[in-house]
C-alpha atoms as a PDB file:
ATOM      1  CA  MET A   1       0.000   0.000   0.000  1.00  0.00           C
ATOM      2  CA  ALA A   2       1.331   3.454  -0.936  1.00  0.00           C
ATOM      3  CA  SER A   3       2.212   5.852   1.825  1.00  0.00           C
ATOM      4  CA  ARG A   4      -0.022   8.776   2.579  1.00  0.00           C
ATOM      5  CA  GLY A   5       2.768  11.251   1.549  1.00  0.00           C
ATOM      6  CA  CYS A   6       3.151   9.622  -1.872  1.00  0.00           C
ATOM      7  CA  ILE A   7      -0.576   9.793  -2.557  1.00  0.00           C
ATOM      8  CA  LEU A   8      -0.632  13.446  -1.452  1.00  0.00           C
ATOM      9  CA  ALA A   9       2.316  14.273  -3.765  1.00  0.00           C
ATOM     10  CA  ILE A  10       0.635  12.613  -6.759  1.00  0.00           C
ATOM     11  CA  PHE A  11      -2.599  14.479  -6.028  1.00  0.00           C
ATOM     12  CA  ALA A  12      -0.708  17.804  -5.758  1.00  0.00           C
ATOM     13  CA  ILE A  13       1.088  17.244  -9.083  1.00  0.00           C
ATOM     14  CA  PHE A  14      -2.186  16.347 -10.791  1.00  0.00           C
ATOM     15  CA  PHE A  15      -3.974  19.370  -9.269  1.00  0.00           C
ATOM     16  CA  ILE A  16      -1.228  21.844 -10.281  1.00  0.00           C
ATOM     17  CA  SER A  17      -1.055  20.478 -13.837  1.00  0.00           C
ATOM     18  CA  ARG A  18      -4.850  20.770 -14.179  1.00  0.00           C
ATOM     19  CA  ILE A  19      -4.715  24.421 -13.052  1.00  0.00           C
ATOM     20  CA  LEU A  20      -1.934  25.262 -15.527  1.00  0.00           C
ATOM     21  CA  CYS A  21      -3.626  23.496 -18.431  1.00  0.00           C
ATOM     22  CA  SER A  22      -6.988  25.125 -17.719  1.00  0.00           C
ATOM     23  CA  HIS A  23      -5.369  28.509 -18.411  1.00  0.00           C
ATOM     24  CA  GLY A  24      -3.922  27.353 -21.720  1.00  0.00           C
ATOM     25  CA  ALA A  25      -0.297  27.093 -20.617  1.00  0.00           C
ATOM     26  CA  PRO A  26       1.810  25.312 -23.234  1.00  0.00           C
ATOM     27  CA  VAL A  27       3.458  22.058 -22.286  1.00  0.00           C
ATOM     28  CA  ALA A  28       6.598  22.734 -24.321  1.00  0.00           C
ATOM     29  CA  PRO A  29       7.370  26.431 -24.975  1.00  0.00           C
ATOM     30  CA  ILE A  30       9.240  27.140 -28.229  1.00  0.00           C
ATOM     31  CA  THR A  31      11.646  29.670 -26.694  1.00  0.00           C
ATOM     32  CA  PRO A  32      13.214  29.935 -23.271  1.00  0.00           C
ATOM     33  CA  TYR A  33      11.566  33.363 -22.914  1.00  0.00           C
ATOM     34  CA  LEU A  34       7.979  32.129 -23.264  1.00  0.00           C
ATOM     35  CA  MET A  35       6.817  31.746 -19.695  1.00  0.00           C
ATOM     36  CA  LEU A  36       3.705  29.900 -18.606  1.00  0.00           C
ATOM     37  CA  CYS A  37       1.837  33.059 -17.577  1.00  0.00           C
ATOM     38  CA  GLN A  38       2.476  35.059 -20.760  1.00  0.00           C
ATOM     39  CA  PRO A  39      -0.283  35.375 -23.355  1.00  0.00           C
ATOM     40  CA  HIS A  40       0.326  33.012 -26.246  1.00  0.00           C
ATOM     41  CA  MET A  41      -1.298  31.968 -29.469  1.00  0.00           C
ATOM     42  CA  ARG A  42      -1.064  28.896 -31.636  1.00  0.00           C
ATOM     43  CA  CYS A  43      -0.054  28.724 -35.299  1.00  0.00           C
ATOM     44  CA  GLY A  44      -0.361  25.211 -36.635  1.00  0.00           C
ATOM     45  CA  ASP A  45       1.485  23.071 -34.114  1.00  0.00           C
ATOM     46  CA  LYS A  46       3.635  25.917 -32.688  1.00  0.00           C
ATOM     47  CA  PHE A  47       2.991  28.388 -29.887  1.00  0.00           C
ATOM     48  CA  TYR A  48       4.107  32.011 -30.218  1.00  0.00           C
ATOM     49  CA  ASP A  49       4.101  35.242 -28.246  1.00  0.00           C
ATOM     50  CA  PRO A  50       1.618  37.639 -29.952  1.00  0.00           C
ATOM     51  CA  LEU A  51       3.601  40.608 -28.644  1.00  0.00           C
ATOM     52  CA  GLN A  52       6.560  39.567 -30.843  1.00  0.00           C
ATOM     53  CA  HIS A  53       5.159  37.374 -33.651  1.00  0.00           C
ATOM     54  CA  CYS A  54       2.063  36.627 -35.717  1.00  0.00           C
ATOM     55  CA  CYS A  55       0.772  33.702 -37.733  1.00  0.00           C
ATOM     56  CA  TYR A  56       1.044  34.386 -41.471  1.00  0.00           C
ATOM     57  CA  ASP A  57       0.376  31.705 -44.068  1.00  0.00           C
ATOM     58  CA  ASP A  58       0.663  28.955 -41.396  1.00  0.00           C
ATOM     59  CA  ALA A  59       4.101  30.189 -40.260  1.00  0.00           C
ATOM     60  CA  VAL A  60       5.212  32.136 -37.179  1.00  0.00           C
ATOM     61  CA  VAL A  61       6.776  35.411 -38.384  1.00  0.00           C
ATOM     62  CA  PRO A  62       8.108  38.513 -36.577  1.00  0.00           C
ATOM     63  CA  LEU A  63       5.743  41.496 -36.303  1.00  0.00           C
ATOM     64  CA  ALA A  64       8.127  43.558 -38.450  1.00  0.00           C
ATOM     65  CA  ARG A  65       7.988  41.133 -41.433  1.00  0.00           C
ATOM     66  CA  THR A  66       7.178  42.918 -44.703  1.00  0.00           C
ATOM     67  CA  GLN A  67       6.308  41.784 -48.206  1.00  0.00           C
ATOM     68  CA  ARG A  68       5.873  43.444 -51.608  1.00  0.00           C
ATOM     69  CA  CYS A  69       2.546  44.360 -53.196  1.00  0.00           C
ATOM     70  CA  GLY A  70       3.236  45.926 -56.565  1.00  0.00           C
ATOM     71  CA  ASN A  71       5.549  48.843 -55.805  1.00  0.00           C
ATOM     72  CA  CYS A  72       4.449  49.013 -52.126  1.00  0.00           C
ATOM     73  CA  THR A  73       5.684  47.221 -49.039  1.00  0.00           C
ATOM     74  CA  PHE A  74       3.170  46.037 -46.465  1.00  0.00           C
ATOM     75  CA  ARG A  75       3.457  44.580 -42.950  1.00  0.00           C
ATOM     76  CA  VAL A  76       2.054  41.036 -43.151  1.00  0.00           C
ATOM     77  CA  CYS A  77       0.881  40.992 -39.508  1.00  0.00           C
ATOM     78  CA  PHE A  78      -1.225  44.142 -39.867  1.00  0.00           C
ATOM     79  CA  GLU A  79      -1.997  44.599 -43.557  1.00  0.00           C
ATOM     80  CA  GLN A  80      -2.904  42.517 -46.613  1.00  0.00           C
ATOM     81  CA  CYS A  81      -2.304  42.849 -50.332  1.00  0.00           C
ATOM     82  CA  CYS A  82      -5.377  42.644 -52.540  1.00  0.00           C
ATOM     83  CA  PRO A  83      -3.645  41.203 -55.625  1.00  0.00           C
ATOM     84  CA  TRP A  84      -6.276  41.934 -58.282  1.00  0.00           C
ATOM     85  CA  THR A  85      -6.310  45.662 -57.421  1.00  0.00           C
ATOM     86  CA  PHE A  86      -2.779  46.015 -55.986  1.00  0.00           C
ATOM     87  CA  MET A  87      -4.256  47.750 -52.974  1.00  0.00           C
ATOM     88  CA  VAL A  88      -2.959  47.372 -49.407  1.00  0.00           C
ATOM     89  CA  LYS A  89      -5.745  47.171 -46.805  1.00  0.00           C
ATOM     90  CA  LEU A  90      -5.785  46.529 -43.082  1.00  0.00           C
ATOM     91  CA  ILE A  91      -5.843  42.833 -42.217  1.00  0.00           C
ATOM     92  CA  ASN A  92      -9.463  42.838 -40.990  1.00  0.00           C
ATOM     93  CA  GLN A  93     -10.858  44.604 -44.088  1.00  0.00           C
ATOM     94  CA  ASN A  94     -12.398  42.777 -47.024  1.00  0.00           C
ATOM     95  CA  CYS A  95     -10.561  43.264 -50.322  1.00  0.00           C
ATOM     96  CA  ASP A  96     -13.924  43.721 -52.070  1.00  0.00           C
ATOM     97  CA  SER A  97     -14.993  46.605 -49.808  1.00  0.00           C
ATOM     98  CA  ALA A  98     -14.879  50.213 -50.945  1.00  0.00           C
ATOM     99  CA  PRO A  99     -11.558  52.027 -50.534  1.00  0.00           C
ATOM    100  CA  THR A 100     -11.022  53.858 -47.236  1.00  0.00           C
ATOM    101  CA  SER A 101      -8.502  56.448 -46.050  1.00  0.00           C
ATOM    102  CA  ASP A 102      -6.388  53.619 -44.568  1.00  0.00           C
ATOM    103  CA  ASP A 103      -5.924  51.915 -47.957  1.00  0.00           C
ATOM    104  CA  ARG A 104      -2.889  52.391 -50.217  1.00  0.00           C
ATOM    105  CA  LEU A 105      -3.038  51.969 -53.967  1.00  0.00           C
ATOM    106  CA  CYS A 106       0.138  50.390 -55.376  1.00  0.00           C
ATOM    107  CA  ARG A 107       1.296  50.281 -58.966  1.00  0.00           C
ATOM    108  CA  ARG A 108       2.341  47.038 -60.623  1.00  0.00           C
END
């Protein structure tokens, strides 16, 4: 029969792991700087810190990552290129929506 201390230790480990997992803490962080209490997101099978990276085309990329859209450069974490009009819009805007003051028209 197991000792009372051993049973208590197993119960404590189980209880602590349940608390951590209920808050979405990753089991295996991808960097030594990602702590269990930091906010994190998931991109495919990888966790990332949304204060430093974003998920773009199923890959974790730095917030400063840029890409070309015609003769313009856009930030992939915050903007999108509408390829049929060569217009850069904010990431949450629909490419088919009417142009706004935040949009940039780029030449081919």
